């Protein structure tokens, strides 16, 4: 849909089926990238939270207020760091959409071009 949106903005005409057919290959590759990033984000979150979760699961009786406060601070820090990382990745992807469309390259090559220009 993002390819259809960009093409509609550029041409000032909305032709959903025509633009969908034209960019179906790029759209499928874009979907796969978004899907992988969608799976990676909760996986990275779980891995980052393991240092807090494992000690509590191994010895539940040692859980105290200090661990609770430390766990909350770690949780907030992990959320903020992942939000910044995935925000930057999302910006690269959004900047690469027009580049992939009008330079007839793949989405990965367009992301690499955007990253190299950075």
PDB file of N, CA and C in Angstrom:
ATOM      1  N   UNK A   1       0.810  -1.197   0.000  1.00  0.00           N
ATOM      2  CA  UNK A   1       0.000   0.000   0.000  1.00  0.00           C
ATOM      3  C   UNK A   1       0.855   1.262   0.000  1.00  0.00           C
ATOM      4  N   UNK A   2       2.031   1.182   0.566  1.00  0.00           N
ATOM      5  CA  UNK A   2       2.869   2.377   0.602  1.00  0.00           C
ATOM      6  C   UNK A   2       3.346   2.765  -0.792  1.00  0.00           C
ATOM      7  N   UNK A   3       3.590   1.784  -1.630  1.00  0.00           N
ATOM      8  CA  UNK A   3       3.986   2.073  -3.007  1.00  0.00           C
ATOM      9  C   UNK A   3       2.832   2.723  -3.765  1.00  0.00           C
ATOM     10  N   UNK A   4       1.620   2.238  -3.536  1.00  0.00           N
ATOM     11  CA  UNK A   4       0.438   2.825  -4.175  1.00  0.00           C
ATOM     12  C   UNK A   4       0.244   4.250  -3.691  1.00  0.00           C
ATOM     13  N   UNK A   5       0.454   4.484  -2.417  1.00  0.00           N
ATOM     14  CA  UNK A   5       0.306   5.823  -1.851  1.00  0.00           C
ATOM     15  C   UNK A   5       1.317   6.799  -2.451  1.00  0.00           C
ATOM     16  N   UNK A   6       2.577   6.392  -2.535  1.00  0.00           N
ATOM     17  CA  UNK A   6       3.609   7.273  -3.087  1.00  0.00           C
ATOM     18  C   UNK A   6       3.334   7.562  -4.563  1.00  0.00           C
ATOM     19  N   UNK A   7       2.970   6.537  -5.314  1.00  0.00           N
ATOM     20  CA  UNK A   7       2.685   6.734  -6.735  1.00  0.00           C
ATOM     21  C   UNK A   7       1.464   7.633  -6.924  1.00  0.00           C
ATOM     22  N   UNK A   8       0.466   7.515  -6.078  1.00  0.00           N
ATOM     23  CA  UNK A   8      -0.713   8.373  -6.162  1.00  0.00           C
ATOM     24  C   UNK A   8      -0.367   9.819  -5.842  1.00  0.00           C
ATOM     25  N   UNK A   9       0.524  10.025  -4.880  1.00  0.00           N
ATOM     26  CA  UNK A   9       0.949  11.387  -4.551  1.00  0.00           C
ATOM     27  C   UNK A   9       1.753  12.012  -5.680  1.00  0.00           C
ATOM     28  N   UNK A  10       2.609  11.222  -6.311  1.00  0.00           N
ATOM     29  CA  UNK A  10       3.456  11.750  -7.373  1.00  0.00           C
ATOM     30  C   UNK A  10       2.639  12.056  -8.624  1.00  0.00           C
ATOM     31  N   UNK A  11       1.761  11.138  -9.003  1.00  0.00           N
ATOM     32  CA  UNK A  11       1.008  11.324 -10.248  1.00  0.00           C
ATOM     33  C   UNK A  11      -0.273  12.141 -10.057  1.00  0.00           C
ATOM     34  N   UNK A  12      -0.692  12.341  -8.814  1.00  0.00           N
ATOM     35  CA  UNK A  12      -1.915  13.071  -8.480  1.00  0.00           C
ATOM     36  C   UNK A  12      -3.162  12.368  -9.032  1.00  0.00           C
ATOM     37  N   UNK A  13      -3.064  11.063  -9.229  1.00  0.00           N
ATOM     38  CA  UNK A  13      -4.178  10.227  -9.654  1.00  0.00           C
ATOM     39  C   UNK A  13      -4.154   8.949  -8.823  1.00  0.00           C
ATOM     40  N   UNK A  14      -5.310   8.567  -8.334  1.00  0.00           N
ATOM     41  CA  UNK A  14      -5.397   7.354  -7.540  1.00  0.00           C
ATOM     42  C   UNK A  14      -5.926   6.236  -8.432  1.00  0.00           C
ATOM     43  N   UNK A  15      -5.052   5.285  -8.725  1.00  0.00           N
ATOM     44  CA  UNK A  15      -5.408   4.108  -9.518  1.00  0.00           C
ATOM     45  C   UNK A  15      -4.923   2.891  -8.738  1.00  0.00           C
ATOM     46  N   UNK A  16      -5.760   2.444  -7.839  1.00  0.00           N
ATOM     47  CA  UNK A  16      -5.349   1.396  -6.910  1.00  0.00           C
ATOM     48  C   UNK A  16      -4.910   0.125  -7.629  1.00  0.00           C
ATOM     49  N   UNK A  17      -5.720  -0.413  -8.502  1.00  0.00           N
ATOM     50  CA  UNK A  17      -5.409  -1.688  -9.141  1.00  0.00           C
ATOM     51  C   UNK A  17      -4.216  -1.576 -10.077  1.00  0.00           C
ATOM     52  N   UNK A  18      -4.110  -0.486 -10.787  1.00  0.00           N
ATOM     53  CA  UNK A  18      -2.979  -0.321 -11.711  1.00  0.00           C
ATOM     54  C   UNK A  18      -1.663  -0.227 -10.944  1.00  0.00           C
ATOM     55  N   UNK A  19      -1.644   0.570  -9.894  1.00  0.00           N
ATOM     56  CA  UNK A  19      -0.418   0.723  -9.117  1.00  0.00           C
ATOM     57  C   UNK A  19      -0.120  -0.533  -8.298  1.00  0.00           C
ATOM     58  N   UNK A  20      -1.151  -1.212  -7.840  1.00  0.00           N
ATOM     59  CA  UNK A  20      -0.928  -2.447  -7.080  1.00  0.00           C
ATOM     60  C   UNK A  20      -0.269  -3.497  -7.954  1.00  0.00           C
ATOM     61  N   UNK A  21      -0.747  -3.629  -9.183  1.00  0.00           N
ATOM     62  CA  UNK A  21      -0.140  -4.602 -10.086  1.00  0.00           C
ATOM     63  C   UNK A  21       1.283  -4.244 -10.466  1.00  0.00           C
ATOM     64  N   UNK A  22       1.532  -2.951 -10.587  1.00  0.00           N
ATOM     65  CA  UNK A  22       2.862  -2.492 -10.987  1.00  0.00           C
ATOM     66  C   UNK A  22       3.913  -2.749  -9.900  1.00  0.00           C
ATOM     67  N   UNK A  23       3.517  -2.618  -8.647  1.00  0.00           N
ATOM     68  CA  UNK A  23       4.476  -2.714  -7.545  1.00  0.00           C
ATOM     69  C   UNK A  23       4.254  -3.936  -6.662  1.00  0.00           C
ATOM     70  N   UNK A  24       3.657  -4.989  -7.216  1.00  0.00           N
ATOM     71  CA  UNK A  24       3.372  -6.178  -6.411  1.00  0.00           C
ATOM     72  C   UNK A  24       4.659  -6.865  -5.943  1.00  0.00           C
ATOM     73  N   UNK A  25       5.683  -6.908  -6.776  1.00  0.00           N
ATOM     74  CA  UNK A  25       6.942  -7.550  -6.389  1.00  0.00           C
ATOM     75  C   UNK A  25       7.656  -6.789  -5.287  1.00  0.00           C
ATOM     76  N   UNK A  26       7.768  -5.480  -5.453  1.00  0.00           N
ATOM     77  CA  UNK A  26       8.390  -4.661  -4.410  1.00  0.00           C
ATOM     78  C   UNK A  26       7.581  -4.709  -3.121  1.00  0.00           C
ATOM     79  N   UNK A  27       6.260  -4.720  -3.277  1.00  0.00           N
ATOM     80  CA  UNK A  27       5.396  -4.766  -2.101  1.00  0.00           C
ATOM     81  C   UNK A  27       5.558  -6.062  -1.329  1.00  0.00           C
ATOM     82  N   UNK A  28       5.713  -7.176  -2.053  1.00  0.00           N
ATOM     83  CA  UNK A  28       5.911  -8.457  -1.376  1.00  0.00           C
ATOM     84  C   UNK A  28       7.244  -8.478  -0.636  1.00  0.00           C
ATOM     85  N   UNK A  29       8.305  -7.981  -1.263  1.00  0.00           N
ATOM     86  CA  UNK A  29       9.606  -7.901  -0.589  1.00  0.00           C
ATOM     87  C   UNK A  29       9.548  -6.980   0.625  1.00  0.00           C
ATOM     88  N   UNK A  30       8.820  -5.879   0.484  1.00  0.00           N
ATOM     89  CA  UNK A  30       8.643  -4.943   1.589  1.00  0.00           C
ATOM     90  C   UNK A  30       7.882  -5.605   2.740  1.00  0.00           C
ATOM     91  N   UNK A  31       6.866  -6.405   2.397  1.00  0.00           N
ATOM     92  CA  UNK A  31       6.104  -7.132   3.406  1.00  0.00           C
ATOM     93  C   UNK A  31       6.988  -8.105   4.166  1.00  0.00           C
ATOM     94  N   UNK A  32       7.859  -8.806   3.456  1.00  0.00           N
ATOM     95  CA  UNK A  32       8.755  -9.763   4.108  1.00  0.00           C
ATOM     96  C   UNK A  32       9.696  -9.049   5.074  1.00  0.00           C
ATOM     97  N   UNK A  33      10.215  -7.898   4.661  1.00  0.00           N
ATOM     98  CA  UNK A  33      11.106  -7.132   5.541  1.00  0.00           C
ATOM     99  C   UNK A  33      10.359  -6.665   6.782  1.00  0.00           C
ATOM    100  N   UNK A  34       9.158  -6.142   6.604  1.00  0.00           N
ATOM    101  CA  UNK A  34       8.357  -5.701   7.759  1.00  0.00           C
ATOM    102  C   UNK A  34       7.999  -6.875   8.667  1.00  0.00           C
ATOM    103  N   UNK A  35       7.711  -8.023   8.071  1.00  0.00           N
ATOM    104  CA  UNK A  35       7.373  -9.213   8.849  1.00  0.00           C
ATOM    105  C   UNK A  35       8.557  -9.660   9.695  1.00  0.00           C
ATOM    106  N   UNK A  36       9.741  -9.680   9.104  1.00  0.00           N
ATOM    107  CA  UNK A  36      10.950 -10.078   9.835  1.00  0.00           C
ATOM    108  C   UNK A  36      11.237  -9.091  10.969  1.00  0.00           C
ATOM    109  N   UNK A  37      11.088  -7.798  10.685  1.00  0.00           N
ATOM    110  CA  UNK A  37      11.298  -6.810  11.747  1.00  0.00           C
ATOM    111  C   UNK A  37      10.237  -6.935  12.834  1.00  0.00           C
ATOM    112  N   UNK A  38       9.026  -7.289  12.438  1.00  0.00           N
ATOM    113  CA  UNK A  38       7.964  -7.506  13.419  1.00  0.00           C
ATOM    114  C   UNK A  38       8.238  -8.696  14.320  1.00  0.00           C
ATOM    115  N   UNK A  39       8.888  -9.720  13.789  1.00  0.00           N
ATOM    116  CA  UNK A  39       9.266 -10.860  14.611  1.00  0.00           C
ATOM    117  C   UNK A  39      10.507 -10.564  15.445  1.00  0.00           C
ATOM    118  N   UNK A  40      11.397  -9.746  14.908  1.00  0.00           N
ATOM    119  CA  UNK A  40      12.653  -9.450  15.606  1.00  0.00           C
ATOM    120  C   UNK A  40      12.432  -8.576  16.836  1.00  0.00           C
ATOM    121  N   UNK A  41      11.485  -7.672  16.775  1.00  0.00           N
ATOM    122  CA  UNK A  41      11.314  -6.744  17.898  1.00  0.00           C
ATOM    123  C   UNK A  41      10.894  -7.441  19.191  1.00  0.00           C
ATOM    124  N   UNK A  42       9.880  -8.312  19.217  1.00  0.00           N
ATOM    125  CA  UNK A  42       9.594  -8.981  20.491  1.00  0.00           C
ATOM    126  C   UNK A  42      10.686  -9.965  20.899  1.00  0.00           C
ATOM    127  N   UNK A  43      11.361 -10.569  19.911  1.00  0.00           N
ATOM    128  CA  UNK A  43      12.441 -11.478  20.233  1.00  0.00           C
ATOM    129  C   UNK A  43      13.598 -10.737  20.919  1.00  0.00           C
ATOM    130  N   UNK A  44      13.971  -9.588  20.385  1.00  0.00           N
ATOM    131  CA  UNK A  44      15.014  -8.777  21.025  1.00  0.00           C
ATOM    132  C   UNK A  44      14.592  -8.306  22.412  1.00  0.00           C
ATOM    133  N   UNK A  45      13.320  -7.971  22.558  1.00  0.00           N
ATOM    134  CA  UNK A  45      12.813  -7.553  23.864  1.00  0.00           C
ATOM    135  C   UNK A  45      12.919  -8.694  24.869  1.00  0.00           C
ATOM    136  N   UNK A  46      12.541  -9.886  24.470  1.00  0.00           N
ATOM    137  CA  UNK A  46      12.616 -11.041  25.377  1.00  0.00           C
ATOM    138  C   UNK A  46      14.059 -11.326  25.758  1.00  0.00           C
ATOM    139  N   UNK A  47      14.960 -11.284  24.782  1.00  0.00           N
ATOM    140  CA  UNK A  47      16.377 -11.536  25.067  1.00  0.00           C
ATOM    141  C   UNK A  47      16.932 -10.465  26.009  1.00  0.00           C
ATOM    142  N   UNK A  48      16.526  -9.218  25.813  1.00  0.00           N
ATOM    143  CA  UNK A  48      17.016  -8.142  26.676  1.00  0.00           C
ATOM    144  C   UNK A  48      16.452  -8.244  28.091  1.00  0.00           C
ATOM    145  N   UNK A  49      15.288  -8.855  28.254  1.00  0.00           N
ATOM    146  CA  UNK A  49      14.687  -8.971  29.576  1.00  0.00           C
ATOM    147  C   UNK A  49      15.124 -10.235  30.319  1.00  0.00           C
ATOM    148  N   UNK A  50      15.868 -11.117  29.672  1.00  0.00           N
ATOM    149  CA  UNK A  50      16.309 -12.352  30.324  1.00  0.00           C
ATOM    150  C   UNK A  50      17.135 -12.121  31.594  1.00  0.00           C
ATOM    151  N   UNK A  51      18.035 -11.113  31.653  1.00  0.00           N
ATOM    152  CA  UNK A  51      18.776 -10.920  32.899  1.00  0.00           C
ATOM    153  C   UNK A  51      17.884 -10.590  34.098  1.00  0.00           C
ATOM    154  N   UNK A  52      16.710 -10.074  33.858  1.00  0.00           N
ATOM    155  CA  UNK A  52      15.793  -9.757  34.960  1.00  0.00           C
ATOM    156  C   UNK A  52      14.895 -10.955  35.267  1.00  0.00           C
ATOM    157  N   UNK A  53      14.460 -11.662  34.235  1.00  0.00           N
ATOM    158  CA  UNK A  53      13.480 -12.735  34.417  1.00  0.00           C
ATOM    159  C   UNK A  53      14.119 -14.013  34.975  1.00  0.00           C
ATOM    160  N   UNK A  54      15.303 -14.386  34.495  1.00  0.00           N
ATOM    161  CA  UNK A  54      15.915 -15.653  34.910  1.00  0.00           C
ATOM    162  C   UNK A  54      16.203 -15.749  36.405  1.00  0.00           C
ATOM    163  N   UNK A  55      16.775 -14.720  37.047  1.00  0.00           N
ATOM    164  CA  UNK A  55      16.996 -14.860  38.500  1.00  0.00           C
ATOM    165  C   UNK A  55      15.699 -15.014  39.291  1.00  0.00           C
ATOM    166  N   UNK A  56      14.656 -14.366  38.844  1.00  0.00           N
ATOM    167  CA  UNK A  56      13.374 -14.474  39.550  1.00  0.00           C
ATOM    168  C   UNK A  56      12.795 -15.873  39.364  1.00  0.00           C
ATOM    169  N   UNK A  57      12.932 -16.443  38.178  1.00  0.00           N
ATOM    170  CA  UNK A  57      12.403 -17.782  37.930  1.00  0.00           C
ATOM    171  C   UNK A  57      13.205 -18.864  38.645  1.00  0.00           C
ATOM    172  N   UNK A  58      14.523 -18.661  38.807  1.00  0.00           N
ATOM    173  CA  UNK A  58      15.359 -19.672  39.449  1.00  0.00           C
ATOM    174  C   UNK A  58      15.171 -19.674  40.966  1.00  0.00           C
ATOM    175  N   UNK A  59      15.162 -18.486  41.571  1.00  0.00           N
ATOM    176  CA  UNK A  59      14.988 -18.379  43.022  1.00  0.00           C
ATOM    177  C   UNK A  59      13.904 -17.336  43.335  1.00  0.00           C
ATOM    178  N   UNK A  60      12.639 -17.724  43.303  1.00  0.00           N
ATOM    179  CA  UNK A  60      11.565 -16.743  43.519  1.00  0.00           C
ATOM    180  C   UNK A  60      11.576 -16.127  44.921  1.00  0.00           C
ATOM    181  N   UNK A  61      12.125 -16.813  45.902  1.00  0.00           N
ATOM    182  CA  UNK A  61      12.116 -16.271  47.262  1.00  0.00           C
ATOM    183  C   UNK A  61      13.094 -15.112  47.447  1.00  0.00           C
ATOM    184  N   UNK A  62      14.039 -14.920  46.524  1.00  0.00           N
ATOM    185  CA  UNK A  62      14.983 -13.809  46.633  1.00  0.00           C
ATOM    186  C   UNK A  62      14.453 -12.524  46.011  1.00  0.00           C
ATOM    187  N   UNK A  63      13.258 -12.547  45.476  1.00  0.00           N
ATOM    188  CA  UNK A  63      12.674 -11.360  44.863  1.00  0.00           C
ATOM    189  C   UNK A  63      12.378 -10.333  45.943  1.00  0.00           C
ATOM    190  N   UNK A  64      12.845  -9.092  45.729  1.00  0.00           N
ATOM    191  CA  UNK A  64      12.606  -8.030  46.714  1.00  0.00           C
ATOM    192  C   UNK A  64      12.280  -6.725  45.985  1.00  0.00           C
ATOM    193  N   UNK A  65      12.095  -5.664  46.759  1.00  0.00           N
ATOM    194  CA  UNK A  65      11.709  -4.373  46.198  1.00  0.00           C
ATOM    195  C   UNK A  65      12.819  -3.812  45.300  1.00  0.00           C
ATOM    196  N   UNK A  66      14.062  -4.017  45.669  1.00  0.00           N
ATOM    197  CA  UNK A  66      15.173  -3.532  44.850  1.00  0.00           C
ATOM    198  C   UNK A  66      15.187  -4.178  43.473  1.00  0.00           C
ATOM    199  N   UNK A  67      14.896  -5.454  43.423  1.00  0.00           N
ATOM    200  CA  UNK A  67      14.824  -6.141  42.134  1.00  0.00           C
ATOM    201  C   UNK A  67      13.642  -5.626  41.310  1.00  0.00           C
ATOM    202  N   UNK A  68      12.547  -5.313  41.989  1.00  0.00           N
ATOM    203  CA  UNK A  68      11.373  -4.791  41.293  1.00  0.00           C
ATOM    204  C   UNK A  68      11.678  -3.430  40.674  1.00  0.00           C
ATOM    205  N   UNK A  69      12.300  -2.546  41.432  1.00  0.00           N
ATOM    206  CA  UNK A  69      12.631  -1.218  40.920  1.00  0.00           C
ATOM    207  C   UNK A  69      13.677  -1.322  39.806  1.00  0.00           C
ATOM    208  N   UNK A  70      14.700  -2.134  40.021  1.00  0.00           N
ATOM    209  CA  UNK A  70      15.712  -2.335  38.987  1.00  0.00           C
ATOM    210  C   UNK A  70      15.115  -2.939  37.723  1.00  0.00           C
ATOM    211  N   UNK A  71      14.201  -3.874  37.899  1.00  0.00           N
ATOM    212  CA  UNK A  71      13.536  -4.487  36.755  1.00  0.00           C
ATOM    213  C   UNK A  71      12.698  -3.488  35.980  1.00  0.00           C
ATOM    214  N   UNK A  72      12.004  -2.594  36.695  1.00  0.00           N
ATOM    215  CA  UNK A  72      11.202  -1.562  36.015  1.00  0.00           C
ATOM    216  C   UNK A  72      12.092  -0.592  35.248  1.00  0.00           C
ATOM    217  N   UNK A  73      13.202  -0.187  35.849  1.00  0.00           N
ATOM    218  CA  UNK A  73      14.120   0.721  35.165  1.00  0.00           C
ATOM    219  C   UNK A  73      14.735   0.045  33.934  1.00  0.00           C
ATOM    220  N   UNK A  74      15.096  -1.230  34.075  1.00  0.00           N
ATOM    221  CA  UNK A  74      15.634  -1.972  32.937  1.00  0.00           C
ATOM    222  C   UNK A  74      14.589  -2.105  31.840  1.00  0.00           C
ATOM    223  N   UNK A  75      13.342  -2.376  32.216  1.00  0.00           N
ATOM    224  CA  UNK A  75      12.249  -2.496  31.263  1.00  0.00           C
ATOM    225  C   UNK A  75      12.073  -1.201  30.469  1.00  0.00           C
ATOM    226  N   UNK A  76      12.078  -0.073  31.163  1.00  0.00           N
ATOM    227  CA  UNK A  76      11.918   1.224  30.489  1.00  0.00           C
ATOM    228  C   UNK A  76      13.109   1.504  29.573  1.00  0.00           C
ATOM    229  N   UNK A  77      14.311   1.202  30.050  1.00  0.00           N
ATOM    230  CA  UNK A  77      15.503   1.428  29.225  1.00  0.00           C
ATOM    231  C   UNK A  77      15.484   0.569  27.965  1.00  0.00           C
ATOM    232  N   UNK A  78      15.089  -0.680  28.099  1.00  0.00           N
ATOM    233  CA  UNK A  78      15.030  -1.579  26.942  1.00  0.00           C
ATOM    234  C   UNK A  78      13.985  -1.082  25.947  1.00  0.00           C
ATOM    235  N   UNK A  79      12.829  -0.690  26.433  1.00  0.00           N
ATOM    236  CA  UNK A  79      11.772  -0.179  25.557  1.00  0.00           C
ATOM    237  C   UNK A  79      12.251   1.068  24.811  1.00  0.00           C
ATOM    238  N   UNK A  80      12.897   1.985  25.503  1.00  0.00           N
ATOM    239  CA  UNK A  80      13.376   3.210  24.856  1.00  0.00           C
ATOM    240  C   UNK A  80      14.449   2.919  23.804  1.00  0.00           C
ATOM    241  N   UNK A  81      15.385   2.069  24.122  1.00  0.00           N
ATOM    242  CA  UNK A  81      16.457   1.751  23.173  1.00  0.00           C
ATOM    243  C   UNK A  81      15.884   1.054  21.937  1.00  0.00           C
ATOM    244  N   UNK A  82      15.001   0.086  22.148  1.00  0.00           N
ATOM    245  CA  UNK A  82      14.406  -0.609  21.003  1.00  0.00           C
ATOM    246  C   UNK A  82      13.540   0.325  20.173  1.00  0.00           C
ATOM    247  N   UNK A  83      12.843   1.262  20.823  1.00  0.00           N
ATOM    248  CA  UNK A  83      12.027   2.219  20.076  1.00  0.00           C
ATOM    249  C   UNK A  83      12.897   3.114  19.194  1.00  0.00           C
ATOM    250  N   UNK A  84      14.027   3.555  19.711  1.00  0.00           N
ATOM    251  CA  UNK A  84      14.932   4.390  18.918  1.00  0.00           C
ATOM    252  C   UNK A  84      15.522   3.590  17.755  1.00  0.00           C
ATOM    253  N   UNK A  85      15.963   2.374  18.026  1.00  0.00           N
ATOM    254  CA  UNK A  85      16.563   1.546  16.977  1.00  0.00           C
ATOM    255  C   UNK A  85      15.552   1.258  15.871  1.00  0.00           C
ATOM    256  N   UNK A  86      14.355   0.823  16.247  1.00  0.00           N
ATOM    257  CA  UNK A  86      13.365   0.494  15.227  1.00  0.00           C
ATOM    258  C   UNK A  86      12.790   1.740  14.571  1.00  0.00           C
ATOM    259  N   UNK A  87      12.835   2.875  15.244  1.00  0.00           N
ATOM    260  CA  UNK A  87      12.453   4.135  14.599  1.00  0.00           C
ATOM    261  C   UNK A  87      13.435   4.529  13.507  1.00  0.00           C
ATOM    262  N   UNK A  88      14.705   4.357  13.782  1.00  0.00           N
ATOM    263  CA  UNK A  88      15.732   4.654  12.774  1.00  0.00           C
ATOM    264  C   UNK A  88      15.615   3.696  11.592  1.00  0.00           C
ATOM    265  N   UNK A  89      15.426   2.422  11.885  1.00  0.00           N
ATOM    266  CA  UNK A  89      15.262   1.442  10.807  1.00  0.00           C
ATOM    267  C   UNK A  89      14.016   1.766   9.980  1.00  0.00           C
ATOM    268  N   UNK A  90      12.928   2.133  10.643  1.00  0.00           N
ATOM    269  CA  UNK A  90      11.705   2.508   9.933  1.00  0.00           C
ATOM    270  C   UNK A  90      11.899   3.734   9.067  1.00  0.00           C
ATOM    271  N   UNK A  91      12.687   4.681   9.526  1.00  0.00           N
ATOM    272  CA  UNK A  91      12.970   5.868   8.723  1.00  0.00           C
ATOM    273  C   UNK A  91      13.753   5.506   7.466  1.00  0.00           C
ATOM    274  N   UNK A  92      14.753   4.631   7.619  1.00  0.00           N
ATOM    275  CA  UNK A  92      15.506   4.181   6.453  1.00  0.00           C
ATOM    276  C   UNK A  92      14.592   3.487   5.449  1.00  0.00           C
ATOM    277  N   UNK A  93      13.705   2.658   5.947  1.00  0.00           N
ATOM    278  CA  UNK A  93      12.793   1.930   5.062  1.00  0.00           C
ATOM    279  C   UNK A  93      11.854   2.893   4.352  1.00  0.00           C
ATOM    280  N   UNK A  94      11.297   3.849   5.085  1.00  0.00           N
ATOM    281  CA  UNK A  94      10.379   4.805   4.462  1.00  0.00           C
ATOM    282  C   UNK A  94      11.077   5.700   3.441  1.00  0.00           C
ATOM    283  N   UNK A  95      12.327   6.033   3.686  1.00  0.00           N
ATOM    284  CA  UNK A  95      13.074   6.824   2.709  1.00  0.00           C
ATOM    285  C   UNK A  95      13.458   6.007   1.480  1.00  0.00           C
ATOM    286  N   UNK A  96      13.551   4.709   1.640  1.00  0.00           N
ATOM    287  CA  UNK A  96      13.965   3.875   0.518  1.00  0.00           C
ATOM    288  C   UNK A  96      12.819   3.515  -0.423  1.00  0.00           C
ATOM    289  N   UNK A  97      11.577   3.715  -0.015  1.00  0.00           N
ATOM    290  CA  UNK A  97      10.438   3.355  -0.874  1.00  0.00           C
ATOM    291  C   UNK A  97      10.454   4.128  -2.189  1.00  0.00           C
ATOM    292  N   UNK A  98      10.517   5.462  -2.191  1.00  0.00           N
ATOM    293  CA  UNK A  98      10.569   6.154  -3.480  1.00  0.00           C
ATOM    294  C   UNK A  98      11.830   5.829  -4.286  1.00  0.00           C
ATOM    295  N   UNK A  99      12.918   5.606  -3.592  1.00  0.00           N
ATOM    296  CA  UNK A  99      14.162   5.253  -4.267  1.00  0.00           C
ATOM    297  C   UNK A  99      14.029   3.919  -4.999  1.00  0.00           C
ATOM    298  N   UNK A 100      13.400   2.952  -4.365  1.00  0.00           N
ATOM    299  CA  UNK A 100      13.190   1.649  -5.003  1.00  0.00           C
ATOM    300  C   UNK A 100      12.226   1.764  -6.175  1.00  0.00           C
ATOM    301  N   UNK A 101      11.241   2.623  -6.059  1.00  0.00           N
ATOM    302  CA  UNK A 101      10.243   2.762  -7.116  1.00  0.00           C
ATOM    303  C   UNK A 101      10.820   3.403  -8.365  1.00  0.00           C
ATOM    304  N   UNK A 102      11.549   4.467  -8.208  1.00  0.00           N
ATOM    305  CA  UNK A 102      11.947   5.282  -9.357  1.00  0.00           C
ATOM    306  C   UNK A 102      13.351   5.000  -9.867  1.00  0.00           C
ATOM    307  N   UNK A 103      14.099   4.180  -9.148  1.00  0.00           N
ATOM    308  CA  UNK A 103      15.418   3.764  -9.649  1.00  0.00           C
ATOM    309  C   UNK A 103      15.410   2.309 -10.067  1.00  0.00           C
ATOM    310  N   UNK A 104      14.236   1.676 -10.009  1.00  0.00           N
ATOM    311  CA  UNK A 104      14.053   0.274 -10.403  1.00  0.00           C
ATOM    312  C   UNK A 104      15.061  -0.654  -9.723  1.00  0.00           C
ATOM    313  N   UNK A 105      15.169  -0.503  -8.425  1.00  0.00           N
ATOM    314  CA  UNK A 105      16.022  -1.385  -7.634  1.00  0.00           C
ATOM    315  C   UNK A 105      15.161  -2.106  -6.609  1.00  0.00           C
ATOM    316  N   UNK A 106      15.741  -3.074  -5.961  1.00  0.00           N
ATOM    317  CA  UNK A 106      15.049  -3.777  -4.890  1.00  0.00           C
ATOM    318  C   UNK A 106      15.020  -2.936  -3.628  1.00  0.00           C
ATOM    319  N   UNK A 107      14.215  -3.349  -2.699  1.00  0.00           N
ATOM    320  CA  UNK A 107      14.060  -2.586  -1.463  1.00  0.00           C
ATOM    321  C   UNK A 107      15.332  -2.655  -0.617  1.00  0.00           C
ATOM    322  N   UNK A 108      16.019  -3.791  -0.619  1.00  0.00           N
ATOM    323  CA  UNK A 108      17.270  -3.911   0.147  1.00  0.00           C
ATOM    324  C   UNK A 108      18.344  -3.012  -0.450  1.00  0.00           C
ATOM    325  N   UNK A 109      18.451  -2.983  -1.775  1.00  0.00           N
ATOM    326  CA  UNK A 109      19.430  -2.108  -2.430  1.00  0.00           C
ATOM    327  C   UNK A 109      19.108  -0.646  -2.151  1.00  0.00           C
ATOM    328  N   UNK A 110      17.830  -0.310  -2.115  1.00  0.00           N
ATOM    329  CA  UNK A 110      17.441   1.068  -1.821  1.00  0.00           C
ATOM    330  C   UNK A 110      17.763   1.436  -0.377  1.00  0.00           C
ATOM    331  N   UNK A 111      17.564   0.502   0.542  1.00  0.00           N
ATOM    332  CA  UNK A 111      17.919   0.763   1.946  1.00  0.00           C
ATOM    333  C   UNK A 111      19.428   0.957   2.069  1.00  0.00           C
ATOM    334  N   UNK A 112      20.204   0.160   1.348  1.00  0.00           N
ATOM    335  CA  UNK A 112      21.658   0.323   1.356  1.00  0.00           C
ATOM    336  C   UNK A 112      22.074   1.682   0.796  1.00  0.00           C
ATOM    337  N   UNK A 113      21.395   2.141  -0.255  1.00  0.00           N
ATOM    338  CA  UNK A 113      21.703   3.460  -0.812  1.00  0.00           C
ATOM    339  C   UNK A 113      21.388   4.552   0.192  1.00  0.00           C
ATOM    340  N   UNK A 114      20.265   4.441   0.872  1.00  0.00           N
ATOM    341  CA  UNK A 114      19.911   5.437   1.891  1.00  0.00           C
ATOM    342  C   UNK A 114      20.921   5.410   3.016  1.00  0.00           C
ATOM    343  N   UNK A 115      21.315   4.229   3.442  1.00  0.00           N
ATOM    344  CA  UNK A 115      22.297   4.114   4.526  1.00  0.00           C
ATOM    345  C   UNK A 115      23.645   4.692   4.097  1.00  0.00           C
ATOM    346  N   UNK A 116      24.065   4.436   2.875  1.00  0.00           N
ATOM    347  CA  UNK A 116      25.341   4.971   2.388  1.00  0.00           C
ATOM    348  C   UNK A 116      25.296   6.496   2.271  1.00  0.00           C
ATOM    349  N   UNK A 117      24.140   7.054   1.932  1.00  0.00           N
ATOM    350  CA  UNK A 117      24.022   8.522   1.854  1.00  0.00           C
ATOM    351  C   UNK A 117      24.076   9.148   3.241  1.00  0.00           C
ATOM    352  N   UNK A 118      23.693   8.387   4.266  1.00  0.00           N
ATOM    353  CA  UNK A 118      23.717   8.907   5.632  1.00  0.00           C
ATOM    354  C   UNK A 118      25.142   9.221   6.023  1.00  0.00           C
TER     355      UNK A 118
END
